[in-house]
Protein backbone atom coordinates (compact mmCIF):
# COMPACT_ATOMS: atom_id res chain seq x y z
CA MET A 1 14.61 8.12 5.65
CA LYS A 2 16.50 8.65 8.89
CA GLY A 3 17.32 12.19 7.79
CA ALA A 4 13.71 12.87 6.88
CA LEU A 5 12.48 11.60 10.25
CA ASN A 6 15.11 13.66 12.06
CA ASN A 7 13.90 16.76 10.22
CA GLY A 8 10.26 16.26 11.21
CA VAL A 9 8.85 14.59 8.11
CA SER A 10 5.88 12.41 9.07
CA VAL A 11 5.41 8.80 8.04
CA ASP A 12 2.37 9.84 5.99
CA GLU A 13 4.44 12.42 4.13
CA ILE A 14 7.09 9.79 3.36
CA ARG A 15 4.42 7.42 2.04
CA ALA A 16 2.93 10.18 -0.14
CA THR A 17 6.36 11.01 -1.56
CA LEU A 18 7.04 7.37 -2.44
CA SER A 19 3.59 7.00 -4.01
CA HIS A 20 4.17 10.08 -6.13
CA ALA A 21 7.62 8.88 -7.22
CA ALA A 22 6.18 5.49 -8.24
CA ALA A 23 4.64 7.05 -11.33
CA TYR A 24 8.07 8.19 -12.48
CA CYS A 25 10.34 5.31 -11.45
CA GLY A 26 7.98 2.40 -12.12
CA ILE A 27 6.18 -0.02 -9.88
CA PRO A 28 9.05 -2.53 -9.35
CA ALA A 29 11.41 0.21 -8.16
CA ALA A 30 8.66 1.75 -6.05
CA LEU A 31 7.97 -1.57 -4.33
CA ASP A 32 11.67 -1.89 -3.51
CA ALA A 33 11.65 1.67 -2.13
CA PHE A 34 8.59 0.95 0.03
CA LYS A 35 10.22 -2.23 1.37
CA ALA A 36 13.47 -0.46 2.25
CA THR A 37 11.59 2.44 3.80
CA HIS A 38 9.46 0.07 5.85
CA GLU A 39 12.59 -1.57 7.27
CA VAL A 40 14.08 1.80 8.23
CA LEU A 41 10.85 3.03 9.79
CA LEU A 42 10.62 -0.14 11.88
CA ALA A 43 14.27 0.13 12.96
CA GLU A 44 13.81 3.79 13.93
CA GLY A 45 10.60 3.06 15.86
CA ALA A 46 8.52 5.36 13.64
CA ILE A 47 6.03 2.54 13.01
CA GLN A 48 5.06 -0.58 14.91
CA PRO A 49 5.37 -4.08 13.47
CA LYS A 50 2.13 -5.71 12.36
CA LYS A 51 0.88 -8.53 14.54
């Protein structure tokens, strides 16, 4: 995800990619991917934590 952000991929594009991949990898794996991505996006400051 860091590489994608550094290359100008938006958060919405990352979400769309993960949603698309969910159909192929299965929901449990997709949920893990969303969780890991969320942690990276928070750490990189791409998104703000929910209140």
